[in-house]
């Protein structure tokens, strides 16, 4: 079992090393995630962050933004843009 896990880890392609371009892609994706959370959520109950978003919207938006960012970075790396 351990041997097959090590082989699987060795077969996985390495991702791109950190660069300012990758940081910009992640920031843009997080901004899109927070925007989506702010515009689609109808519940405005709970503590607010910055007066506009609730804590749940901010956490949910950044979580969604990180998922978008990881996909965007992997996709852009695989097609050779980054």
PDB file of N, CA and C in Angstrom:
ATOM      1  N   UNK A   1       0.829  -1.186   0.000  1.00  0.00           N
ATOM      2  CA  UNK A   1       0.000   0.000   0.000  1.00  0.00           C
ATOM      3  C   UNK A   1       0.878   1.255   0.000  1.00  0.00           C
ATOM      4  N   UNK A   2       1.878   1.289   0.855  1.00  0.00           N
ATOM      5  CA  UNK A   2       2.752   2.449   0.931  1.00  0.00           C
ATOM      6  C   UNK A   2       3.533   2.614  -0.361  1.00  0.00           C
ATOM      7  N   UNK A   3       3.963   1.501  -0.918  1.00  0.00           N
ATOM      8  CA  UNK A   3       4.734   1.548  -2.156  1.00  0.00           C
ATOM      9  C   UNK A   3       3.900   2.137  -3.301  1.00  0.00           C
ATOM     10  N   UNK A   4       2.622   1.736  -3.408  1.00  0.00           N
ATOM     11  CA  UNK A   4       1.776   2.259  -4.479  1.00  0.00           C
ATOM     12  C   UNK A   4       1.483   3.743  -4.276  1.00  0.00           C
ATOM     13  N   UNK A   5       1.389   4.188  -3.024  1.00  0.00           N
ATOM     14  CA  UNK A   5       1.174   5.614  -2.760  1.00  0.00           C
ATOM     15  C   UNK A   5       2.388   6.431  -3.169  1.00  0.00           C
ATOM     16  N   UNK A   6       3.576   5.904  -2.934  1.00  0.00           N
ATOM     17  CA  UNK A   6       4.789   6.610  -3.337  1.00  0.00           C
ATOM     18  C   UNK A   6       4.911   6.677  -4.848  1.00  0.00           C
ATOM     19  N   UNK A   7       4.519   5.603  -5.533  1.00  0.00           N
ATOM     20  CA  UNK A   7       4.545   5.624  -6.989  1.00  0.00           C
ATOM     21  C   UNK A   7       3.543   6.627  -7.541  1.00  0.00           C
ATOM     22  N   UNK A   8       2.393   6.718  -6.930  1.00  0.00           N
ATOM     23  CA  UNK A   8       1.391   7.680  -7.360  1.00  0.00           C
ATOM     24  C   UNK A   8       1.891   9.105  -7.150  1.00  0.00           C
ATOM     25  N   UNK A   9       2.546   9.361  -6.031  1.00  0.00           N
ATOM     26  CA  UNK A   9       3.092  10.696  -5.775  1.00  0.00           C
ATOM     27  C   UNK A   9       4.199  11.034  -6.761  1.00  0.00           C
ATOM     28  N   UNK A  10       4.979  10.054  -7.151  1.00  0.00           N
ATOM     29  CA  UNK A  10       6.059  10.303  -8.109  1.00  0.00           C
ATOM     30  C   UNK A  10       5.513  10.543  -9.509  1.00  0.00           C
ATOM     31  N   UNK A  11       4.361   9.969  -9.825  1.00  0.00           N
ATOM     32  CA  UNK A  11       3.784  10.126 -11.156  1.00  0.00           C
ATOM     33  C   UNK A  11       3.020  11.432 -11.310  1.00  0.00           C
ATOM     34  N   UNK A  12       2.709  12.089 -10.212  1.00  0.00           N
ATOM     35  CA  UNK A  12       1.959  13.342 -10.267  1.00  0.00           C
ATOM     36  C   UNK A  12       2.869  14.457 -10.766  1.00  0.00           C
ATOM     37  N   UNK A  13       2.435  15.211 -11.773  1.00  0.00           N
ATOM     38  CA  UNK A  13       3.293  16.284 -12.278  1.00  0.00           C
ATOM     39  C   UNK A  13       3.458  17.400 -11.249  1.00  0.00           C
ATOM     40  N   UNK A  14       4.626  17.989 -11.244  1.00  0.00           N
ATOM     41  CA  UNK A  14       4.899  19.089 -10.321  1.00  0.00           C
ATOM     42  C   UNK A  14       4.161  20.338 -10.797  1.00  0.00           C
ATOM     43  N   UNK A  15       3.691  21.120  -9.842  1.00  0.00           N
ATOM     44  CA  UNK A  15       3.020  22.362 -10.202  1.00  0.00           C
ATOM     45  C   UNK A  15       4.050  23.478 -10.351  1.00  0.00           C
ATOM     46  N   UNK A  16       3.597  24.589 -10.835  1.00  0.00           N
ATOM     47  CA  UNK A  16       4.461  25.741 -11.068  1.00  0.00           C
ATOM     48  C   UNK A  16       4.951  26.304  -9.737  1.00  0.00           C
ATOM     49  N   UNK A  17       6.194  26.742  -9.693  1.00  0.00           N
ATOM     50  CA  UNK A  17       6.733  27.393  -8.501  1.00  0.00           C
ATOM     51  C   UNK A  17       6.086  28.768  -8.338  1.00  0.00           C
ATOM     52  N   UNK A  18       6.096  29.301  -7.120  1.00  0.00           N
ATOM     53  CA  UNK A  18       5.456  30.575  -6.855  1.00  0.00           C
ATOM     54  C   UNK A  18       6.128  31.676  -7.651  1.00  0.00           C
ATOM     55  N   UNK A  19       5.309  32.574  -8.180  1.00  0.00           N
ATOM     56  CA  UNK A  19       5.810  33.750  -8.876  1.00  0.00           C
ATOM     57  C   UNK A  19       4.781  34.862  -8.710  1.00  0.00           C
ATOM     58  N   UNK A  20       5.148  36.098  -8.988  1.00  0.00           N
ATOM     59  CA  UNK A  20       4.160  37.182  -8.897  1.00  0.00           C
ATOM     60  C   UNK A  20       2.962  36.983  -9.828  1.00  0.00           C
ATOM     61  N   UNK A  21       3.161  36.333 -10.966  1.00  0.00           N
ATOM     62  CA  UNK A  21       2.047  36.061 -11.874  1.00  0.00           C
ATOM     63  C   UNK A  21       1.032  35.134 -11.227  1.00  0.00           C
ATOM     64  N   UNK A  22       1.511  34.123 -10.534  1.00  0.00           N
ATOM     65  CA  UNK A  22       0.612  33.200  -9.844  1.00  0.00           C
ATOM     66  C   UNK A  22      -0.115  33.918  -8.714  1.00  0.00           C
ATOM     67  N   UNK A  23       0.574  34.811  -8.024  1.00  0.00           N
ATOM     68  CA  UNK A  23      -0.068  35.581  -6.959  1.00  0.00           C
ATOM     69  C   UNK A  23      -1.176  36.468  -7.522  1.00  0.00           C
ATOM     70  N   UNK A  24      -0.945  37.070  -8.666  1.00  0.00           N
ATOM     71  CA  UNK A  24      -1.968  37.927  -9.281  1.00  0.00           C
ATOM     72  C   UNK A  24      -3.191  37.106  -9.682  1.00  0.00           C
ATOM     73  N   UNK A  25      -2.964  35.923 -10.236  1.00  0.00           N
ATOM     74  CA  UNK A  25      -4.080  35.050 -10.610  1.00  0.00           C
ATOM     75  C   UNK A  25      -4.887  34.677  -9.373  1.00  0.00           C
ATOM     76  N   UNK A  26      -4.212  34.352  -8.272  1.00  0.00           N
ATOM     77  CA  UNK A  26      -4.914  33.973  -7.049  1.00  0.00           C
ATOM     78  C   UNK A  26      -5.687  35.156  -6.458  1.00  0.00           C
ATOM     79  N   UNK A  27      -5.112  36.348  -6.480  1.00  0.00           N
ATOM     80  CA  UNK A  27      -5.807  37.527  -5.954  1.00  0.00           C
ATOM     81  C   UNK A  27      -7.058  37.830  -6.779  1.00  0.00           C
ATOM     82  N   UNK A  28      -6.946  37.749  -8.104  1.00  0.00           N
ATOM     83  CA  UNK A  28      -8.101  37.998  -8.966  1.00  0.00           C
ATOM     84  C   UNK A  28      -9.195  36.962  -8.709  1.00  0.00           C
ATOM     85  N   UNK A  29      -8.821  35.703  -8.558  1.00  0.00           N
ATOM     86  CA  UNK A  29      -9.806  34.650  -8.300  1.00  0.00           C
ATOM     87  C   UNK A  29     -10.463  34.829  -6.936  1.00  0.00           C
ATOM     88  N   UNK A  30      -9.700  35.261  -5.933  1.00  0.00           N
ATOM     89  CA  UNK A  30     -10.287  35.521  -4.624  1.00  0.00           C
ATOM     90  C   UNK A  30     -11.242  36.700  -4.674  1.00  0.00           C
ATOM     91  N   UNK A  31     -10.898  37.735  -5.438  1.00  0.00           N
ATOM     92  CA  UNK A  31     -11.809  38.872  -5.589  1.00  0.00           C
ATOM     93  C   UNK A  31     -13.112  38.431  -6.260  1.00  0.00           C
ATOM     94  N   UNK A  32     -13.012  37.568  -7.268  1.00  0.00           N
ATOM     95  CA  UNK A  32     -14.213  37.037  -7.908  1.00  0.00           C
ATOM     96  C   UNK A  32     -15.044  36.198  -6.942  1.00  0.00           C
ATOM     97  N   UNK A  33     -14.376  35.411  -6.115  1.00  0.00           N
ATOM     98  CA  UNK A  33     -15.086  34.600  -5.129  1.00  0.00           C
ATOM     99  C   UNK A  33     -15.812  35.439  -4.096  1.00  0.00           C
ATOM    100  N   UNK A  34     -15.175  36.477  -3.596  1.00  0.00           N
ATOM    101  CA  UNK A  34     -15.818  37.360  -2.614  1.00  0.00           C
ATOM    102  C   UNK A  34     -16.962  38.123  -3.277  1.00  0.00           C
ATOM    103  N   UNK A  35     -16.774  38.569  -4.510  1.00  0.00           N
ATOM    104  CA  UNK A  35     -17.843  39.254  -5.231  1.00  0.00           C
ATOM    105  C   UNK A  35     -19.046  38.331  -5.413  1.00  0.00           C
ATOM    106  N   UNK A  36     -18.792  37.080  -5.774  1.00  0.00           N
ATOM    107  CA  UNK A  36     -19.880  36.119  -5.947  1.00  0.00           C
ATOM    108  C   UNK A  36     -20.606  35.873  -4.631  1.00  0.00           C
ATOM    109  N   UNK A  37     -19.859  35.771  -3.543  1.00  0.00           N
ATOM    110  CA  UNK A  37     -20.487  35.551  -2.236  1.00  0.00           C
ATOM    111  C   UNK A  37     -21.308  36.759  -1.806  1.00  0.00           C
ATOM    112  N   UNK A  38     -20.837  37.950  -2.104  1.00  0.00           N
ATOM    113  CA  UNK A  38     -21.550  39.160  -1.696  1.00  0.00           C
ATOM    114  C   UNK A  38     -22.817  39.375  -2.517  1.00  0.00           C
ATOM    115  N   UNK A  39     -22.786  39.027  -3.786  1.00  0.00           N
ATOM    116  CA  UNK A  39     -23.942  39.298  -4.639  1.00  0.00           C
ATOM    117  C   UNK A  39     -24.995  38.205  -4.606  1.00  0.00           C
ATOM    118  N   UNK A  40     -24.615  36.976  -4.301  1.00  0.00           N
ATOM    119  CA  UNK A  40     -25.585  35.886  -4.352  1.00  0.00           C
ATOM    120  C   UNK A  40     -26.199  35.547  -3.007  1.00  0.00           C
ATOM    121  N   UNK A  41     -25.577  35.932  -1.927  1.00  0.00           N
ATOM    122  CA  UNK A  41     -26.093  35.592  -0.606  1.00  0.00           C
ATOM    123  C   UNK A  41     -27.214  36.547  -0.223  1.00  0.00           C
ATOM    124  N   UNK A  42     -28.298  35.976   0.301  1.00  0.00           N
ATOM    125  CA  UNK A  42     -29.436  36.785   0.700  1.00  0.00           C
ATOM    126  C   UNK A  42     -29.498  37.010   2.212  1.00  0.00           C
ATOM    127  N   UNK A  43     -28.789  36.230   2.974  1.00  0.00           N
ATOM    128  CA  UNK A  43     -28.807  36.339   4.425  1.00  0.00           C
ATOM    129  C   UNK A  43     -27.772  37.368   4.854  1.00  0.00           C
ATOM    130  N   UNK A  44     -28.175  38.327   5.651  1.00  0.00           N
ATOM    131  CA  UNK A  44     -27.274  39.376   6.127  1.00  0.00           C
ATOM    132  C   UNK A  44     -27.189  39.355   7.655  1.00  0.00           C
ATOM    133  N   UNK A  45     -27.230  38.172   8.248  1.00  0.00           N
ATOM    134  CA  UNK A  45     -27.168  38.053   9.701  1.00  0.00           C
ATOM    135  C   UNK A  45     -25.775  37.624  10.127  1.00  0.00           C
ATOM    136  N   UNK A  46     -25.318  38.135  11.233  1.00  0.00           N
ATOM    137  CA  UNK A  46     -24.025  37.751  11.771  1.00  0.00           C
ATOM    138  C   UNK A  46     -23.071  38.919  11.806  1.00  0.00           C
ATOM    139  N   UNK A  47     -21.888  38.681  12.342  1.00  0.00           N
ATOM    140  CA  UNK A  47     -20.893  39.754  12.431  1.00  0.00           C
ATOM    141  C   UNK A  47     -20.426  40.171  11.039  1.00  0.00           C
ATOM    142  N   UNK A  48     -20.169  41.452  10.890  1.00  0.00           N
ATOM    143  CA  UNK A  48     -19.760  41.956   9.583  1.00  0.00           C
ATOM    144  C   UNK A  48     -18.257  42.170   9.522  1.00  0.00           C
ATOM    145  N   UNK A  49     -17.744  42.109   8.309  1.00  0.00           N
ATOM    146  CA  UNK A  49     -16.328  42.353   8.050  1.00  0.00           C
ATOM    147  C   UNK A  49     -16.263  43.563   7.123  1.00  0.00           C
ATOM    148  N   UNK A  50     -15.745  44.664   7.594  1.00  0.00           N
ATOM    149  CA  UNK A  50     -15.649  45.858   6.763  1.00  0.00           C
ATOM    150  C   UNK A  50     -16.979  46.538   6.516  1.00  0.00           C
ATOM    151  N   UNK A  51     -18.016  46.139   7.206  1.00  0.00           N
ATOM    152  CA  UNK A  51     -19.311  46.773   7.068  1.00  0.00           C
ATOM    153  C   UNK A  51     -20.162  46.281   5.921  1.00  0.00           C
ATOM    154  N   UNK A  52     -19.597  45.595   4.952  1.00  0.00           N
ATOM    155  CA  UNK A  52     -20.362  45.187   3.775  1.00  0.00           C
ATOM    156  C   UNK A  52     -20.654  43.686   3.757  1.00  0.00           C
ATOM    157  N   UNK A  53     -19.709  42.878   4.182  1.00  0.00           N
ATOM    158  CA  UNK A  53     -19.857  41.424   4.145  1.00  0.00           C
ATOM    159  C   UNK A  53     -20.018  40.869   5.549  1.00  0.00           C
ATOM    160  N   UNK A  54     -20.786  39.791   5.653  1.00  0.00           N
ATOM    161  CA  UNK A  54     -20.797  39.079   6.924  1.00  0.00           C
ATOM    162  C   UNK A  54     -19.561  38.189   6.978  1.00  0.00           C
ATOM    163  N   UNK A  55     -19.244  37.724   8.157  1.00  0.00           N
ATOM    164  CA  UNK A  55     -18.076  36.866   8.321  1.00  0.00           C
ATOM    165  C   UNK A  55     -18.210  35.594   7.491  1.00  0.00           C
ATOM    166  N   UNK A  56     -19.414  35.043   7.447  1.00  0.00           N
ATOM    167  CA  UNK A  56     -19.652  33.844   6.644  1.00  0.00           C
ATOM    168  C   UNK A  56     -19.458  34.083   5.166  1.00  0.00           C
ATOM    169  N   UNK A  57     -19.904  35.243   4.683  1.00  0.00           N
ATOM    170  CA  UNK A  57     -19.704  35.571   3.273  1.00  0.00           C
ATOM    171  C   UNK A  57     -18.221  35.739   2.946  1.00  0.00           C
ATOM    172  N   UNK A  58     -17.485  36.377   3.832  1.00  0.00           N
ATOM    173  CA  UNK A  58     -16.055  36.597   3.592  1.00  0.00           C
ATOM    174  C   UNK A  58     -15.293  35.273   3.576  1.00  0.00           C
ATOM    175  N   UNK A  59     -15.568  34.416   4.548  1.00  0.00           N
ATOM    176  CA  UNK A  59     -14.881  33.119   4.600  1.00  0.00           C
ATOM    177  C   UNK A  59     -15.290  32.246   3.418  1.00  0.00           C
ATOM    178  N   UNK A  60     -16.574  32.194   3.132  1.00  0.00           N
ATOM    179  CA  UNK A  60     -17.050  31.402   1.998  1.00  0.00           C
ATOM    180  C   UNK A  60     -16.518  31.907   0.673  1.00  0.00           C
ATOM    181  N   UNK A  61     -16.476  33.223   0.516  1.00  0.00           N
ATOM    182  CA  UNK A  61     -15.965  33.805  -0.727  1.00  0.00           C
ATOM    183  C   UNK A  61     -14.498  33.535  -0.939  1.00  0.00           C
ATOM    184  N   UNK A  62     -13.703  33.636   0.132  1.00  0.00           N
ATOM    185  CA  UNK A  62     -12.270  33.360  -0.024  1.00  0.00           C
ATOM    186  C   UNK A  62     -12.004  31.869  -0.216  1.00  0.00           C
ATOM    187  N   UNK A  63     -12.796  31.020   0.408  1.00  0.00           N
ATOM    188  CA  UNK A  63     -12.645  29.575   0.163  1.00  0.00           C
ATOM    189  C   UNK A  63     -12.954  29.252  -1.298  1.00  0.00           C
ATOM    190  N   UNK A  64     -14.056  29.808  -1.796  1.00  0.00           N
ATOM    191  CA  UNK A  64     -14.409  29.595  -3.200  1.00  0.00           C
ATOM    192  C   UNK A  64     -13.357  30.198  -4.124  1.00  0.00           C
ATOM    193  N   UNK A  65     -12.816  31.342  -3.750  1.00  0.00           N
ATOM    194  CA  UNK A  65     -11.769  31.981  -4.542  1.00  0.00           C
ATOM    195  C   UNK A  65     -10.506  31.146  -4.616  1.00  0.00           C
ATOM    196  N   UNK A  66     -10.163  30.478  -3.508  1.00  0.00           N
ATOM    197  CA  UNK A  66      -8.982  29.615  -3.533  1.00  0.00           C
ATOM    198  C   UNK A  66      -9.211  28.388  -4.412  1.00  0.00           C
ATOM    199  N   UNK A  67     -10.421  27.864  -4.431  1.00  0.00           N
ATOM    200  CA  UNK A  67     -10.717  26.742  -5.318  1.00  0.00           C
ATOM    201  C   UNK A  67     -10.620  27.198  -6.769  1.00  0.00           C
ATOM    202  N   UNK A  68     -11.204  28.367  -7.064  1.00  0.00           N
ATOM    203  CA  UNK A  68     -11.086  28.920  -8.417  1.00  0.00           C
ATOM    204  C   UNK A  68      -9.631  29.174  -8.786  1.00  0.00           C
ATOM    205  N   UNK A  69      -8.868  29.738  -7.852  1.00  0.00           N
ATOM    206  CA  UNK A  69      -7.472  30.069  -8.111  1.00  0.00           C
ATOM    207  C   UNK A  69      -6.621  28.839  -8.366  1.00  0.00           C
ATOM    208  N   UNK A  70      -6.831  27.799  -7.571  1.00  0.00           N
ATOM    209  CA  UNK A  70      -6.056  26.573  -7.782  1.00  0.00           C
ATOM    210  C   UNK A  70      -6.360  25.979  -9.152  1.00  0.00           C
ATOM    211  N   UNK A  71      -7.618  25.959  -9.525  1.00  0.00           N
ATOM    212  CA  UNK A  71      -7.979  25.453 -10.846  1.00  0.00           C
ATOM    213  C   UNK A  71      -7.428  26.311 -11.965  1.00  0.00           C
ATOM    214  N   UNK A  72      -7.494  27.628 -11.785  1.00  0.00           N
ATOM    215  CA  UNK A  72      -6.979  28.531 -12.814  1.00  0.00           C
ATOM    216  C   UNK A  72      -5.472  28.405 -12.972  1.00  0.00           C
ATOM    217  N   UNK A  73      -4.767  28.314 -11.859  1.00  0.00           N
ATOM    218  CA  UNK A  73      -3.314  28.193 -11.912  1.00  0.00           C
ATOM    219  C   UNK A  73      -2.913  26.870 -12.563  1.00  0.00           C
ATOM    220  N   UNK A  74      -3.549  25.788 -12.157  1.00  0.00           N
ATOM    221  CA  UNK A  74      -3.218  24.493 -12.764  1.00  0.00           C
ATOM    222  C   UNK A  74      -3.578  24.471 -14.247  1.00  0.00           C
ATOM    223  N   UNK A  75      -4.724  25.050 -14.599  1.00  0.00           N
ATOM    224  CA  UNK A  75      -5.133  25.074 -15.996  1.00  0.00           C
ATOM    225  C   UNK A  75      -4.219  25.936 -16.857  1.00  0.00           C
ATOM    226  N   UNK A  76      -3.900  27.133 -16.359  1.00  0.00           N
ATOM    227  CA  UNK A  76      -3.020  28.024 -17.126  1.00  0.00           C
ATOM    228  C   UNK A  76      -1.597  27.452 -17.236  1.00  0.00           C
ATOM    229  N   UNK A  77      -1.156  26.746 -16.186  1.00  0.00           N
ATOM    230  CA  UNK A  77       0.155  26.123 -16.250  1.00  0.00           C
ATOM    231  C   UNK A  77       0.167  24.983 -17.264  1.00  0.00           C
ATOM    232  N   UNK A  78      -0.898  24.199 -17.289  1.00  0.00           N
ATOM    233  CA  UNK A  78      -0.917  23.051 -18.199  1.00  0.00           C
ATOM    234  C   UNK A  78      -0.996  23.454 -19.668  1.00  0.00           C
ATOM    235  N   UNK A  79      -1.574  24.614 -19.970  1.00  0.00           N
ATOM    236  CA  UNK A  79      -1.637  25.038 -21.372  1.00  0.00           C
ATOM    237  C   UNK A  79      -0.462  25.942 -21.734  1.00  0.00           C
ATOM    238  N   UNK A  80       0.405  26.233 -20.752  1.00  0.00           N
ATOM    239  CA  UNK A  80       1.624  26.960 -21.042  1.00  0.00           C
ATOM    240  C   UNK A  80       1.519  28.474 -20.980  1.00  0.00           C
ATOM    241  N   UNK A  81       0.454  29.004 -20.437  1.00  0.00           N
ATOM    242  CA  UNK A  81       0.303  30.455 -20.359  1.00  0.00           C
ATOM    243  C   UNK A  81       1.170  31.034 -19.244  1.00  0.00           C
ATOM    244  N   UNK A  82       1.222  30.323 -18.134  1.00  0.00           N
ATOM    245  CA  UNK A  82       2.052  30.779 -16.993  1.00  0.00           C
ATOM    246  C   UNK A  82       3.400  30.086 -17.072  1.00  0.00           C
TER     247      UNK A  82
END
